[in-house]
């Protein structure tokens, strides 16, 4: 009989736990046997796929991806591993990968199983939790309406809110909370988590923003001078969700589907949860740091900050589209001008949350310049799922790696490093 734990809420700093040798061997074998079959975008005769799958090296941090220095001394090459071995090492039962080359989807594959308590394989159609990658999608949706003249980035958000008001205090006396400040995490709002609440007890979005006890979070009240400090806040995205819903009188998830998902052919992407039965069959289950399968802990009313459910292939479609609009293609969700504004580094984030120089765009992280300019927004979902999309708009390269493990972040970094090496990414 399988045992599924709810898995208690845990912080982000969790060290990978070691599998026993037997368990690791079994998981490695399962991963090797369940890599998905070919898709139209995934020619099995492409040797670069096998090169990525079989040339992973340990990556200590995101900064190590871009460290091209050497000590100049003769030394042995770093030890390489297979993807199956690293998934077992990091207690991550399932991984989905999509690779972008020359501005097109080069291939997409799934590895491992949807849940450790079963044997359903991950495929290119498996649906993962995107966590905070949701914020990146929310920013695209909002900027679409900014460009349409519905909103202004520098107007007081209380001009748009109807069912809740941004509180006024000493921090808003001289400067008001705006959409720009919300997108750039400079609105002075607290960093706070949310309680696990069953659907029938889920608080409304206004109740979450007020900080009602049932919501389990601090209220969305400015706590520091506006525009002075970058402080990551889920609440800012929830305010954006409410502004969209108050303005259009429609659910946020409907707007996202209409504006982004349907036009881009993202046919396995949604902000709605639970998933319909035909989609739920493809849904990954999250796993904690020990690799124990857990039940998903999703927020049923506020989800612009972390409720996206999608596939690596669908996320790749959005990144490909953004690269096309960035390059001048007309008729998209965003114009070339707005896309470039979205992907402009406005200020460095200090201290960097990733241990390497990172800048803030309009709701997206940026690093590098010229051909090495990259945009990305990683995501992690409690109790255990990760998302790491990464794209270089000047050269049309990118990758999306999604996992169903709390330690999947480390797997994703190692996969990304292998892709960067095999596809010769500028750094």
Foldseek 3Di string as FASTA:
>chain_A
DADAAQDDDDDLPDDFDADDPVQLVVLLVLQVVQKDDFDPLRDPVPVLVVLLQWFFAFDPFLVSLVPPDDPPDDDDDGDGGGLSNVCSGQLFFKKKKWWWAQLHTNGIIITGALAPRDRHTAGLFFKEFQFQVLLVLLLLLVLLVVVVVNFPQQDALQVQADPAGADDDPQPPPGHDGLQLLLQQQRQFDAWDWDQDDPVQADALRCVQCPPVNGRIHHGHRDDHGPPARDDHLNSQSSSQNSVCSRPVDHSFVSSCVLPCVVLVQVLKTLAPDDPPVNVVRYGFAAASNNRTYHFRARHHRPSRTRMMGGQVSVSSVVSVLLVQCVQDPDHSDHVVSSVQQLDFPAWHPPDPRNDTWGHGRNWIWDDDDQQIKIWDKRAGPPAKIWTWMARSNRGIIMIMITRGSSCVSSVSSSVSSCCVSSVRDD
